[in-house]
């Protein structure tokens, strides 16, 4: 399993709509993420800065690298671009975060 984290920026006032759209995530998007090796994907919001923190666990970097090329992912980017900072290709502006620490407790 590979751990990845990114930060993104939500426009002020769109917190509820962002949550709504993710709660109603398209089945095709769920399928594509699974097909590309996403084992889990969580997004957290810092309400003071509107910074989104995405944490995901994937099976394989090579499989994951192809996610942006999928039609459903590109459709999702267009669907979400009115809520967050995006690049000219409609992808969210992201900063990949460096993994520096893990702690596992034995139960």
PDB file of N, CA and C in Angstrom:
ATOM      1  N   UNK A   1       0.836  -1.173   0.000  1.00  0.00           N
ATOM      2  CA  UNK A   1       0.000   0.000   0.000  1.00  0.00           C
ATOM      3  C   UNK A   1       0.888   1.246   0.000  1.00  0.00           C
ATOM      4  N   UNK A   2       0.497   2.225  -0.807  1.00  0.00           N
ATOM      5  CA  UNK A   2       1.220   3.487  -0.918  1.00  0.00           C
ATOM      6  C   UNK A   2       0.320   4.589  -0.379  1.00  0.00           C
ATOM      7  N   UNK A   3       0.863   5.430   0.496  1.00  0.00           N
ATOM      8  CA  UNK A   3       0.105   6.547   1.067  1.00  0.00           C
ATOM      9  C   UNK A   3       0.447   7.817   0.305  1.00  0.00           C
ATOM     10  N   UNK A   4      -0.583   8.592  -0.008  1.00  0.00           N
ATOM     11  CA  UNK A   4      -0.400   9.858  -0.701  1.00  0.00           C
ATOM     12  C   UNK A   4      -1.238  10.914  -0.006  1.00  0.00           C
ATOM     13  N   UNK A   5      -0.768  12.156  -0.045  1.00  0.00           N
ATOM     14  CA  UNK A   5      -1.536  13.267   0.509  1.00  0.00           C
ATOM     15  C   UNK A   5      -1.330  14.497  -0.360  1.00  0.00           C
ATOM     16  N   UNK A   6      -2.395  15.263  -0.507  1.00  0.00           N
ATOM     17  CA  UNK A   6      -2.351  16.506  -1.270  1.00  0.00           C
ATOM     18  C   UNK A   6      -3.158  17.570  -0.541  1.00  0.00           C
ATOM     19  N   UNK A   7      -2.834  18.818  -0.844  1.00  0.00           N
ATOM     20  CA  UNK A   7      -3.690  19.888  -0.354  1.00  0.00           C
ATOM     21  C   UNK A   7      -4.231  20.651  -1.555  1.00  0.00           C
ATOM     22  N   UNK A   8      -5.455  21.153  -1.388  1.00  0.00           N
ATOM     23  CA  UNK A   8      -6.161  21.896  -2.420  1.00  0.00           C
ATOM     24  C   UNK A   8      -6.835  23.081  -1.740  1.00  0.00           C
ATOM     25  N   UNK A   9      -7.453  23.941  -2.521  1.00  0.00           N
ATOM     26  CA  UNK A   9      -8.063  25.140  -1.950  1.00  0.00           C
ATOM     27  C   UNK A   9      -9.512  25.267  -2.411  1.00  0.00           C
ATOM     28  N   UNK A  10     -10.415  25.336  -1.442  1.00  0.00           N
ATOM     29  CA  UNK A  10     -11.845  25.523  -1.685  1.00  0.00           C
ATOM     30  C   UNK A  10     -12.157  27.008  -1.643  1.00  0.00           C
ATOM     31  N   UNK A  11     -13.028  27.463  -2.550  1.00  0.00           N
ATOM     32  CA  UNK A  11     -13.446  28.861  -2.494  1.00  0.00           C
ATOM     33  C   UNK A  11     -14.343  29.073  -1.280  1.00  0.00           C
ATOM     34  N   UNK A  12     -14.228  30.235  -0.634  1.00  0.00           N
ATOM     35  CA  UNK A  12     -15.065  30.519   0.542  1.00  0.00           C
ATOM     36  C   UNK A  12     -16.563  30.427   0.207  1.00  0.00           C
ATOM     37  N   UNK A  13     -17.317  29.877   1.152  1.00  0.00           N
ATOM     38  CA  UNK A  13     -18.764  29.793   1.004  1.00  0.00           C
ATOM     39  C   UNK A  13     -19.267  28.553   0.283  1.00  0.00           C
ATOM     40  N   UNK A  14     -18.381  27.682  -0.148  1.00  0.00           N
ATOM     41  CA  UNK A  14     -18.785  26.494  -0.906  1.00  0.00           C
ATOM     42  C   UNK A  14     -18.631  25.193  -0.132  1.00  0.00           C
ATOM     43  N   UNK A  15     -18.448  25.287   1.160  1.00  0.00           N
ATOM     44  CA  UNK A  15     -18.223  24.098   1.979  1.00  0.00           C
ATOM     45  C   UNK A  15     -19.387  23.110   1.858  1.00  0.00           C
ATOM     46  N   UNK A  16     -20.615  23.594   1.994  1.00  0.00           N
ATOM     47  CA  UNK A  16     -21.790  22.712   1.956  1.00  0.00           C
ATOM     48  C   UNK A  16     -21.950  22.067   0.586  1.00  0.00           C
ATOM     49  N   UNK A  17     -21.731  22.823  -0.474  1.00  0.00           N
ATOM     50  CA  UNK A  17     -21.866  22.269  -1.823  1.00  0.00           C
ATOM     51  C   UNK A  17     -20.772  21.244  -2.108  1.00  0.00           C
ATOM     52  N   UNK A  18     -19.568  21.500  -1.634  1.00  0.00           N
ATOM     53  CA  UNK A  18     -18.468  20.548  -1.805  1.00  0.00           C
ATOM     54  C   UNK A  18     -18.817  19.226  -1.120  1.00  0.00           C
ATOM     55  N   UNK A  19     -19.302  19.320   0.101  1.00  0.00           N
ATOM     56  CA  UNK A  19     -19.708  18.132   0.845  1.00  0.00           C
ATOM     57  C   UNK A  19     -20.842  17.399   0.130  1.00  0.00           C
ATOM     58  N   UNK A  20     -21.833  18.136  -0.334  1.00  0.00           N
ATOM     59  CA  UNK A  20     -22.975  17.542  -1.036  1.00  0.00           C
ATOM     60  C   UNK A  20     -22.509  16.756  -2.265  1.00  0.00           C
ATOM     61  N   UNK A  21     -21.674  17.377  -3.066  1.00  0.00           N
ATOM     62  CA  UNK A  21     -21.219  16.710  -4.295  1.00  0.00           C
ATOM     63  C   UNK A  21     -20.419  15.444  -3.986  1.00  0.00           C
ATOM     64  N   UNK A  22     -19.636  15.459  -2.937  1.00  0.00           N
ATOM     65  CA  UNK A  22     -18.878  14.259  -2.586  1.00  0.00           C
ATOM     66  C   UNK A  22     -19.769  13.197  -1.944  1.00  0.00           C
ATOM     67  N   UNK A  23     -20.773  13.607  -1.208  1.00  0.00           N
ATOM     68  CA  UNK A  23     -21.730  12.640  -0.654  1.00  0.00           C
ATOM     69  C   UNK A  23     -22.540  11.961  -1.747  1.00  0.00           C
ATOM     70  N   UNK A  24     -22.639  12.619  -2.900  1.00  0.00           N
ATOM     71  CA  UNK A  24     -23.370  12.079  -4.042  1.00  0.00           C
ATOM     72  C   UNK A  24     -22.408  11.648  -5.156  1.00  0.00           C
ATOM     73  N   UNK A  25     -21.212  11.221  -4.771  1.00  0.00           N
ATOM     74  CA  UNK A  25     -20.186  10.841  -5.747  1.00  0.00           C
ATOM     75  C   UNK A  25     -20.751   9.854  -6.757  1.00  0.00           C
ATOM     76  N   UNK A  26     -20.519  10.140  -8.011  1.00  0.00           N
ATOM     77  CA  UNK A  26     -21.040   9.310  -9.100  1.00  0.00           C
ATOM     78  C   UNK A  26     -20.511   7.879  -9.000  1.00  0.00           C
ATOM     79  N   UNK A  27     -21.368   6.896  -9.239  1.00  0.00           N
ATOM     80  CA  UNK A  27     -20.915   5.493  -9.229  1.00  0.00           C
ATOM     81  C   UNK A  27     -19.761   5.245 -10.200  1.00  0.00           C
ATOM     82  N   UNK A  28     -19.787   5.913 -11.348  1.00  0.00           N
ATOM     83  CA  UNK A  28     -18.711   5.744 -12.338  1.00  0.00           C
ATOM     84  C   UNK A  28     -17.374   6.239 -11.785  1.00  0.00           C
ATOM     85  N   UNK A  29     -17.431   7.269 -10.973  1.00  0.00           N
ATOM     86  CA  UNK A  29     -16.205   7.790 -10.375  1.00  0.00           C
ATOM     87  C   UNK A  29     -15.672   6.802  -9.340  1.00  0.00           C
ATOM     88  N   UNK A  30     -16.567   6.252  -8.525  1.00  0.00           N
ATOM     89  CA  UNK A  30     -16.158   5.238  -7.546  1.00  0.00           C
ATOM     90  C   UNK A  30     -15.505   4.040  -8.248  1.00  0.00           C
ATOM     91  N   UNK A  31     -16.123   3.591  -9.335  1.00  0.00           N
ATOM     92  CA  UNK A  31     -15.602   2.447 -10.090  1.00  0.00           C
ATOM     93  C   UNK A  31     -14.226   2.747 -10.662  1.00  0.00           C
ATOM     94  N   UNK A  32     -14.072   3.933 -11.248  1.00  0.00           N
ATOM     95  CA  UNK A  32     -12.792   4.294 -11.837  1.00  0.00           C
ATOM     96  C   UNK A  32     -11.695   4.343 -10.773  1.00  0.00           C
ATOM     97  N   UNK A  33     -12.000   4.918  -9.616  1.00  0.00           N
ATOM     98  CA  UNK A  33     -11.005   4.984  -8.546  1.00  0.00           C
ATOM     99  C   UNK A  33     -10.584   3.580  -8.103  1.00  0.00           C
ATOM    100  N   UNK A  34     -11.547   2.693  -7.958  1.00  0.00           N
ATOM    101  CA  UNK A  34     -11.234   1.308  -7.574  1.00  0.00           C
ATOM    102  C   UNK A  34     -10.401   0.622  -8.649  1.00  0.00           C
ATOM    103  N   UNK A  35     -10.776   0.818  -9.909  1.00  0.00           N
ATOM    104  CA  UNK A  35     -10.034   0.204 -11.020  1.00  0.00           C
ATOM    105  C   UNK A  35      -8.597   0.692 -11.096  1.00  0.00           C
ATOM    106  N   UNK A  36      -8.356   1.900 -10.612  1.00  0.00           N
ATOM    107  CA  UNK A  36      -7.013   2.464 -10.653  1.00  0.00           C
ATOM    108  C   UNK A  36      -6.274   2.312  -9.328  1.00  0.00           C
ATOM    109  N   UNK A  37      -6.789   1.449  -8.465  1.00  0.00           N
ATOM    110  CA  UNK A  37      -6.051   1.046  -7.281  1.00  0.00           C
ATOM    111  C   UNK A  37      -6.247   1.877  -6.035  1.00  0.00           C
ATOM    112  N   UNK A  38      -7.284   2.713  -5.992  1.00  0.00           N
ATOM    113  CA  UNK A  38      -7.544   3.470  -4.765  1.00  0.00           C
ATOM    114  C   UNK A  38      -8.169   2.537  -3.735  1.00  0.00           C
ATOM    115  N   UNK A  39      -7.488   2.369  -2.622  1.00  0.00           N
ATOM    116  CA  UNK A  39      -7.995   1.532  -1.537  1.00  0.00           C
ATOM    117  C   UNK A  39      -8.836   2.347  -0.567  1.00  0.00           C
ATOM    118  N   UNK A  40      -8.453   3.600  -0.369  1.00  0.00           N
ATOM    119  CA  UNK A  40      -9.222   4.524   0.461  1.00  0.00           C
ATOM    120  C   UNK A  40      -8.901   5.943   0.011  1.00  0.00           C
ATOM    121  N   UNK A  41      -9.842   6.854   0.250  1.00  0.00           N
ATOM    122  CA  UNK A  41      -9.640   8.258  -0.102  1.00  0.00           C
ATOM    123  C   UNK A  41     -10.447   9.079   0.884  1.00  0.00           C
ATOM    124  N   UNK A  42      -9.782   9.935   1.627  1.00  0.00           N
ATOM    125  CA  UNK A  42     -10.438  10.814   2.597  1.00  0.00           C
ATOM    126  C   UNK A  42     -10.039  12.250   2.295  1.00  0.00           C
ATOM    127  N   UNK A  43     -10.980  13.168   2.510  1.00  0.00           N
ATOM    128  CA  UNK A  43     -10.700  14.592   2.331  1.00  0.00           C
ATOM    129  C   UNK A  43     -11.131  15.311   3.598  1.00  0.00           C
ATOM    130  N   UNK A  44     -10.262  16.182   4.095  1.00  0.00           N
ATOM    131  CA  UNK A  44     -10.520  16.971   5.291  1.00  0.00           C
ATOM    132  C   UNK A  44     -10.483  18.450   4.917  1.00  0.00           C
ATOM    133  N   UNK A  45     -11.242  19.267   5.642  1.00  0.00           N
ATOM    134  CA  UNK A  45     -11.284  20.700   5.393  1.00  0.00           C
ATOM    135  C   UNK A  45     -10.828  21.475   6.626  1.00  0.00           C
ATOM    136  N   UNK A  46      -9.922  22.429   6.418  1.00  0.00           N
ATOM    137  CA  UNK A  46      -9.570  23.393   7.451  1.00  0.00           C
ATOM    138  C   UNK A  46     -10.477  24.608   7.215  1.00  0.00           C
ATOM    139  N   UNK A  47     -11.524  24.798   8.014  1.00  0.00           N
ATOM    140  CA  UNK A  47     -12.478  25.866   7.765  1.00  0.00           C
ATOM    141  C   UNK A  47     -11.910  27.272   7.936  1.00  0.00           C
ATOM    142  N   UNK A  48     -10.796  27.409   8.637  1.00  0.00           N
ATOM    143  CA  UNK A  48     -10.185  28.732   8.803  1.00  0.00           C
ATOM    144  C   UNK A  48      -9.492  29.202   7.533  1.00  0.00           C
ATOM    145  N   UNK A  49      -8.962  28.271   6.750  1.00  0.00           N
ATOM    146  CA  UNK A  49      -8.198  28.637   5.548  1.00  0.00           C
ATOM    147  C   UNK A  49      -8.828  28.140   4.258  1.00  0.00           C
ATOM    148  N   UNK A  50      -9.877  27.333   4.358  1.00  0.00           N
ATOM    149  CA  UNK A  50     -10.502  26.673   3.204  1.00  0.00           C
ATOM    150  C   UNK A  50      -9.531  25.740   2.490  1.00  0.00           C
ATOM    151  N   UNK A  51      -8.537  25.270   3.209  1.00  0.00           N
ATOM    152  CA  UNK A  51      -7.606  24.301   2.646  1.00  0.00           C
ATOM    153  C   UNK A  51      -8.197  22.909   2.789  1.00  0.00           C
ATOM    154  N   UNK A  52      -8.186  22.175   1.695  1.00  0.00           N
ATOM    155  CA  UNK A  52      -8.614  20.774   1.676  1.00  0.00           C
ATOM    156  C   UNK A  52      -7.368  19.905   1.770  1.00  0.00           C
ATOM    157  N   UNK A  53      -7.439  18.866   2.569  1.00  0.00           N
ATOM    158  CA  UNK A  53      -6.354  17.911   2.722  1.00  0.00           C
ATOM    159  C   UNK A  53      -6.881  16.560   2.271  1.00  0.00           C
ATOM    160  N   UNK A  54      -6.333  16.035   1.187  1.00  0.00           N
ATOM    161  CA  UNK A  54      -6.736  14.736   0.680  1.00  0.00           C
ATOM    162  C   UNK A  54      -5.715  13.682   1.050  1.00  0.00           C
ATOM    163  N   UNK A  55      -6.192  12.581   1.599  1.00  0.00           N
ATOM    164  CA  UNK A  55      -5.322  11.460   1.969  1.00  0.00           C
ATOM    165  C   UNK A  55      -5.846  10.217   1.272  1.00  0.00           C
ATOM    166  N   UNK A  56      -4.975   9.535   0.548  1.00  0.00           N
ATOM    167  CA  UNK A  56      -5.405   8.314  -0.108  1.00  0.00           C
ATOM    168  C   UNK A  56      -4.365   7.223   0.017  1.00  0.00           C
ATOM    169  N   UNK A  57      -4.863   6.019  -0.087  1.00  0.00           N
ATOM    170  CA  UNK A  57      -4.021   4.837  -0.088  1.00  0.00           C
ATOM    171  C   UNK A  57      -4.272   4.132  -1.410  1.00  0.00           C
ATOM    172  N   UNK A  58      -3.183   3.860  -2.117  1.00  0.00           N
ATOM    173  CA  UNK A  58      -3.289   3.245  -3.440  1.00  0.00           C
ATOM    174  C   UNK A  58      -2.451   1.974  -3.498  1.00  0.00           C
ATOM    175  N   UNK A  59      -2.751   1.160  -4.505  1.00  0.00           N
ATOM    176  CA  UNK A  59      -2.011  -0.091  -4.698  1.00  0.00           C
ATOM    177  C   UNK A  59      -0.713   0.119  -5.460  1.00  0.00           C
ATOM    178  N   UNK A  60      -0.748   1.018  -6.459  1.00  0.00           N
ATOM    179  CA  UNK A  60       0.342   1.078  -7.421  1.00  0.00           C
ATOM    180  C   UNK A  60       0.410   2.476  -8.046  1.00  0.00           C
ATOM    181  N   UNK A  61       1.584   3.073  -8.027  1.00  0.00           N
ATOM    182  CA  UNK A  61       1.759   4.415  -8.601  1.00  0.00           C
ATOM    183  C   UNK A  61       1.465   4.444 -10.104  1.00  0.00           C
ATOM    184  N   UNK A  62       1.865   3.403 -10.812  1.00  0.00           N
ATOM    185  CA  UNK A  62       1.660   3.380 -12.267  1.00  0.00           C
ATOM    186  C   UNK A  62       0.181   3.373 -12.615  1.00  0.00           C
ATOM    187  N   UNK A  63      -0.603   2.554 -11.940  1.00  0.00           N
ATOM    188  CA  UNK A  63      -2.052   2.541 -12.179  1.00  0.00           C
ATOM    189  C   UNK A  63      -2.662   3.900 -11.834  1.00  0.00           C
ATOM    190  N   UNK A  64      -2.236   4.461 -10.713  1.00  0.00           N
ATOM    191  CA  UNK A  64      -2.799   5.738 -10.253  1.00  0.00           C
ATOM    192  C   UNK A  64      -2.452   6.882 -11.199  1.00  0.00           C
ATOM    193  N   UNK A  65      -1.304   6.815 -11.822  1.00  0.00           N
ATOM    194  CA  UNK A  65      -0.840   7.859 -12.739  1.00  0.00           C
ATOM    195  C   UNK A  65      -1.815   8.091 -13.897  1.00  0.00           C
ATOM    196  N   UNK A  66      -2.616   7.098 -14.236  1.00  0.00           N
ATOM    197  CA  UNK A  66      -3.528   7.192 -15.378  1.00  0.00           C
ATOM    198  C   UNK A  66      -4.901   7.772 -15.033  1.00  0.00           C
ATOM    199  N   UNK A  67      -5.169   8.025 -13.765  1.00  0.00           N
ATOM    200  CA  UNK A  67      -6.465   8.581 -13.356  1.00  0.00           C
ATOM    201  C   UNK A  67      -6.807   9.867 -14.108  1.00  0.00           C
ATOM    202  N   UNK A  68      -5.894  10.843 -14.213  1.00  0.00           N
ATOM    203  CA  UNK A  68      -6.250  12.092 -14.896  1.00  0.00           C
ATOM    204  C   UNK A  68      -6.644  11.922 -16.363  1.00  0.00           C
ATOM    205  N   UNK A  69      -6.237  10.828 -16.976  1.00  0.00           N
ATOM    206  CA  UNK A  69      -6.541  10.585 -18.386  1.00  0.00           C
ATOM    207  C   UNK A  69      -7.945  10.058 -18.608  1.00  0.00           C
ATOM    208  N   UNK A  70      -8.617   9.608 -17.557  1.00  0.00           N
ATOM    209  CA  UNK A  70      -9.925   8.997 -17.736  1.00  0.00           C
ATOM    210  C   UNK A  70     -10.991  10.048 -18.020  1.00  0.00           C
ATOM    211  N   UNK A  71     -11.934   9.672 -18.832  1.00  0.00           N
ATOM    212  CA  UNK A  71     -13.025  10.576 -19.201  1.00  0.00           C
ATOM    213  C   UNK A  71     -13.840  10.990 -17.973  1.00  0.00           C
ATOM    214  N   UNK A  72     -14.125  10.046 -17.086  1.00  0.00           N
ATOM    215  CA  UNK A  72     -14.949  10.362 -15.917  1.00  0.00           C
ATOM    216  C   UNK A  72     -14.223  11.320 -14.981  1.00  0.00           C
ATOM    217  N   UNK A  73     -12.917  11.188 -14.839  1.00  0.00           N
ATOM    218  CA  UNK A  73     -12.163  12.101 -13.984  1.00  0.00           C
ATOM    219  C   UNK A  73     -12.160  13.508 -14.573  1.00  0.00           C
ATOM    220  N   UNK A  74     -11.995  13.615 -15.868  1.00  0.00           N
ATOM    221  CA  UNK A  74     -12.019  14.924 -16.510  1.00  0.00           C
ATOM    222  C   UNK A  74     -13.405  15.567 -16.394  1.00  0.00           C
ATOM    223  N   UNK A  75     -14.444  14.761 -16.481  1.00  0.00           N
ATOM    224  CA  UNK A  75     -15.808  15.258 -16.287  1.00  0.00           C
ATOM    225  C   UNK A  75     -15.988  15.758 -14.847  1.00  0.00           C
ATOM    226  N   UNK A  76     -15.433  15.030 -13.869  1.00  0.00           N
ATOM    227  CA  UNK A  76     -15.512  15.428 -12.465  1.00  0.00           C
ATOM    228  C   UNK A  76     -14.805  16.764 -12.247  1.00  0.00           C
ATOM    229  N   UNK A  77     -13.626  16.933 -12.844  1.00  0.00           N
ATOM    230  CA  UNK A  77     -12.901  18.192 -12.701  1.00  0.00           C
ATOM    231  C   UNK A  77     -13.750  19.374 -13.157  1.00  0.00           C
ATOM    232  N   UNK A  78     -14.399  19.240 -14.301  1.00  0.00           N
ATOM    233  CA  UNK A  78     -15.249  20.314 -14.822  1.00  0.00           C
ATOM    234  C   UNK A  78     -16.411  20.569 -13.865  1.00  0.00           C
ATOM    235  N   UNK A  79     -16.998  19.506 -13.333  1.00  0.00           N
ATOM    236  CA  UNK A  79     -18.109  19.595 -12.388  1.00  0.00           C
ATOM    237  C   UNK A  79     -17.715  20.329 -11.115  1.00  0.00           C
ATOM    238  N   UNK A  80     -16.470  20.173 -10.688  1.00  0.00           N
ATOM    239  CA  UNK A  80     -16.014  20.743  -9.417  1.00  0.00           C
ATOM    240  C   UNK A  80     -15.310  22.099  -9.545  1.00  0.00           C
ATOM    241  N   UNK A  81     -14.981  22.529 -10.748  1.00  0.00           N
ATOM    242  CA  UNK A  81     -14.126  23.712 -10.886  1.00  0.00           C
ATOM    243  C   UNK A  81     -14.745  25.009 -10.383  1.00  0.00           C
ATOM    244  N   UNK A  82     -16.058  25.078 -10.261  1.00  0.00           N
ATOM    245  CA  UNK A  82     -16.664  26.309  -9.750  1.00  0.00           C
ATOM    246  C   UNK A  82     -16.530  26.438  -8.232  1.00  0.00           C
ATOM    247  N   UNK A  83     -16.067  25.376  -7.572  1.00  0.00           N
ATOM    248  CA  UNK A  83     -15.956  25.376  -6.114  1.00  0.00           C
ATOM    249  C   UNK A  83     -14.539  25.567  -5.593  1.00  0.00           C
ATOM    250  N   UNK A  84     -13.547  25.399  -6.457  1.00  0.00           N
ATOM    251  CA  UNK A  84     -12.173  25.356  -5.957  1.00  0.00           C
ATOM    252  C   UNK A  84     -11.182  25.892  -6.975  1.00  0.00           C
ATOM    253  N   UNK A  85      -9.985  26.202  -6.490  1.00  0.00           N
ATOM    254  CA  UNK A  85      -8.930  26.678  -7.382  1.00  0.00           C
ATOM    255  C   UNK A  85      -8.557  25.569  -8.359  1.00  0.00           C
ATOM    256  N   UNK A  86      -8.488  25.921  -9.656  1.00  0.00           N
ATOM    257  CA  UNK A  86      -8.188  24.923 -10.686  1.00  0.00           C
ATOM    258  C   UNK A  86      -7.129  25.441 -11.658  1.00  0.00           C
ATOM    259  N   UNK A  87      -6.554  24.491 -12.362  1.00  0.00           N
ATOM    260  CA  UNK A  87      -5.593  24.754 -13.428  1.00  0.00           C
ATOM    261  C   UNK A  87      -6.348  24.960 -14.746  1.00  0.00           C
ATOM    262  N   UNK A  88      -5.649  25.410 -15.804  1.00  0.00           N
ATOM    263  CA  UNK A  88      -6.316  25.606 -17.098  1.00  0.00           C
ATOM    264  C   UNK A  88      -6.986  24.341 -17.659  1.00  0.00           C
ATOM    265  N   UNK A  89      -6.503  23.148 -17.282  1.00  0.00           N
ATOM    266  CA  UNK A  89      -7.121  21.903 -17.763  1.00  0.00           C
ATOM    267  C   UNK A  89      -8.285  21.460 -16.860  1.00  0.00           C
ATOM    268  N   UNK A  90      -8.720  22.337 -15.942  1.00  0.00           N
ATOM    269  CA  UNK A  90      -9.833  22.105 -15.007  1.00  0.00           C
ATOM    270  C   UNK A  90      -9.441  21.252 -13.801  1.00  0.00           C
ATOM    271  N   UNK A  91      -8.236  20.709 -13.762  1.00  0.00           N
ATOM    272  CA  UNK A  91      -7.806  19.915 -12.607  1.00  0.00           C
ATOM    273  C   UNK A  91      -7.638  20.832 -11.404  1.00  0.00           C
ATOM    274  N   UNK A  92      -7.881  20.313 -10.202  1.00  0.00           N
ATOM    275  CA  UNK A  92      -7.665  21.156  -9.028  1.00  0.00           C
ATOM    276  C   UNK A  92      -6.183  21.488  -8.855  1.00  0.00           C
ATOM    277  N   UNK A  93      -5.926  22.697  -8.402  1.00  0.00           N
ATOM    278  CA  UNK A  93      -4.560  23.056  -8.045  1.00  0.00           C
ATOM    279  C   UNK A  93      -4.221  22.233  -6.811  1.00  0.00           C
ATOM    280  N   UNK A  94      -3.197  21.410  -6.913  1.00  0.00           N
ATOM    281  CA  UNK A  94      -2.822  20.552  -5.796  1.00  0.00           C
ATOM    282  C   UNK A  94      -1.347  20.721  -5.470  1.00  0.00           C
ATOM    283  N   UNK A  95      -1.041  20.510  -4.217  1.00  0.00           N
ATOM    284  CA  UNK A  95       0.340  20.447  -3.752  1.00  0.00           C
ATOM    285  C   UNK A  95       0.487  19.078  -3.112  1.00  0.00           C
ATOM    286  N   UNK A  96       1.372  18.270  -3.676  1.00  0.00           N
ATOM    287  CA  UNK A  96       1.607  16.953  -3.097  1.00  0.00           C
ATOM    288  C   UNK A  96       2.415  17.122  -1.823  1.00  0.00           C
ATOM    289  N   UNK A  97       1.980  16.441  -0.777  1.00  0.00           N
ATOM    290  CA  UNK A  97       2.644  16.540   0.518  1.00  0.00           C
ATOM    291  C   UNK A  97       3.599  15.362   0.715  1.00  0.00           C
ATOM    292  N   UNK A  98       4.689  15.626   1.389  1.00  0.00           N
ATOM    293  CA  UNK A  98       5.711  14.610   1.637  1.00  0.00           C
ATOM    294  C   UNK A  98       5.343  13.809   2.883  1.00  0.00           C
ATOM    295  N   UNK A  99       5.356  12.504   2.750  1.00  0.00           N
ATOM    296  CA  UNK A  99       5.077  11.593   3.865  1.00  0.00           C
ATOM    297  C   UNK A  99       6.307  11.541   4.760  1.00  0.00           C
ATOM    298  N   UNK A 100       6.130  11.888   6.038  1.00  0.00           N
ATOM    299  CA  UNK A 100       7.287  11.943   6.930  1.00  0.00           C
ATOM    300  C   UNK A 100       7.192  11.068   8.174  1.00  0.00           C
ATOM    301  N   UNK A 101       5.993  10.557   8.531  1.00  0.00           N
ATOM    302  CA  UNK A 101       5.901   9.822   9.781  1.00  0.00           C
ATOM    303  C   UNK A 101       4.674   8.928   9.804  1.00  0.00           C
ATOM    304  N   UNK A 102       4.819   7.774  10.429  1.00  0.00           N
ATOM    305  CA  UNK A 102       3.720   6.851  10.726  1.00  0.00           C
ATOM    306  C   UNK A 102       3.896   6.348  12.146  1.00  0.00           C
ATOM    307  N   UNK A 103       2.784   6.111  12.825  1.00  0.00           N
ATOM    308  CA  UNK A 103       2.805   5.483  14.131  1.00  0.00           C
ATOM    309  C   UNK A 103       1.742   4.396  14.121  1.00  0.00           C
ATOM    310  N   UNK A 104       2.130   3.202  14.421  1.00  0.00           N
ATOM    311  CA  UNK A 104       1.193   2.076  14.496  1.00  0.00           C
ATOM    312  C   UNK A 104       1.215   1.541  15.905  1.00  0.00           C
ATOM    313  N   UNK A 105       0.083   1.454  16.487  1.00  0.00           N
ATOM    314  CA  UNK A 105      -0.052   0.898  17.831  1.00  0.00           C
ATOM    315  C   UNK A 105      -0.487  -0.560  17.724  1.00  0.00           C
ATOM    316  N   UNK A 106       0.108  -1.401  18.507  1.00  0.00           N
ATOM    317  CA  UNK A 106      -0.344  -2.787  18.547  1.00  0.00           C
ATOM    318  C   UNK A 106      -1.495  -2.889  19.525  1.00  0.00           C
ATOM    319  N   UNK A 107      -2.515  -3.588  19.121  1.00  0.00           N
ATOM    320  CA  UNK A 107      -3.697  -3.726  19.965  1.00  0.00           C
ATOM    321  C   UNK A 107      -3.674  -5.030  20.710  1.00  0.00           C
TER     322      UNK A 107
END
